[in-house]
């Protein structure tokens, strides 16, 4: 490792030269053949060989001792460079001033051909010189074993990645050519220094992976769409429309399933087995195996990806009026203002809406399981929902042994609603349901509520209100009671998301196993309404 910085500490005896008079400097200069009267003697001495340094130092110290001049204190060293020496311990870097680097650059770059070398170059090198400009020039003549990283005291840790992009834009770099490390790491978060070095040194391979995956994805999409386009009309009609009718699936969902199947297969063919991609991944994985802790700055971006990989948002479901499915997540509002989360567990075939508007088996109730927000896993059977809450928050666990049963109509209302809330209003326009083939289902549910809200002419208003409430679907545990406001019925439950298919299946299977273990201890007639 080589460090180029204008704050590299100078030997203490340099200060003695300033304390000598011009006659002594002249005498020493004649003895060692070096002009100490020149104002730039420090810069010139940096370029001199090691033997010259030793001879001048010996003469200066000898004359200063004869004159009784005390040796000055060692100059205060740049705290970042001092910390770097401490971090690297036995692997001390060569520290060079800009002038020393200028004299030895060619030698060090040639040496990197046989011994890969990391060059840490300060952005501010004094006298208006910039590390970025220096690196830009070096990239044109650097050998394969050269790795460059810019050190900077003018940027904080929190803005490090933005500064890196700015440097790349200013000097025409790519992140794969030049890395960046804030000096603040060295005097504070030293493990962050190692993390940024790791990221910097693998940036080139990461860019190769990004480009390789993008290229493979484009090819995969093109090939997958081409296969879909080649399906003849009889085949497409049979696969999409006839099978959807039998399965009770919406035809558009079936079309997307077919397209995804073609695209996924093509992506596999273009990504797996790519030797260049595999080599780049191998290099990155080797560096990533060096533990340098987590970076909180990356937590948010990583969480967004992890969440999207496992969950569908409630807004997505509501905008498309997607039917209730295994893994739907509901938020239940309590009387005290708190909320609780529940996940729907049911066989997909029992949730699909048939052409007659009924479900398979026509279940009157559906099973939901509580999602608990805890620091540690609960006792008893459970499934953890990874990355549902932010990393700084507690974890989410589905309790498998505490099922509850909610009338199917209430959950249907949450799916009908544009905002995910379980609301029904007399005379509401059901046209929106037609986009997912829900007309018959919507009509059946609406008829159920119409009958519950029929007029009781022989009763007074209070009795009529009580009779209507008793006729409406409701749940006792958890309590989900209807709130009547004229001809509008509202329940304190809202669909807020969905587990993606693989995770939803995992929860359903785990619930089935947990149920089978406790079946002997329960009256199954009560467990499954």
Foldseek 3Di string as FASTA:
>chain_A
DEEEAQQAFDDLLVVLLVVDDPVLQVVLCVVLVARSPDPCSVLVVLLDDPVSVVSSSVSSVVVCVVVVNDRDDGDDGDLLLVLVCVVVPPPRHHYGQPSNCVNCVVVVQVVLQVPQDEYEYEQDRPPPDGPLVVLLVCVVPGDPSYAYEYEYQPDDPLCFVVVQVVSCVVSVHDLQRYFYDYSVCSVPVVLVRLVRVLCSPLVNLVVVLVVQLVVQLVQLLVQLVVVVVPDDPVRLCCQQPVVCQVLLFFSVVSSVVSSVVSSVVSSCVRPPPPVSNVVSVVVSVVSVVPDSDDDPSCQVVVLVVVCVVWWFFQLVLLQLLDFDAQFFKKWFADPVRDIWIKGWADDRQQRRQHLQLAGVVRAQKTKIWTKDFAQDDDPAQWDWDPSPDRPVGGTIITHLPDIFIFGPLQQSQLSQHSQQFNKDAPPDDSPSVVSGSNPNNVVVSNVQLCVLLDDDVVDDPVVSVVSSQVSDTFTVVVGWGWDDDPRMTGTRMGGTIGTPDVVSVVSNVSSVVSCVVCVVVDDVVVVRD
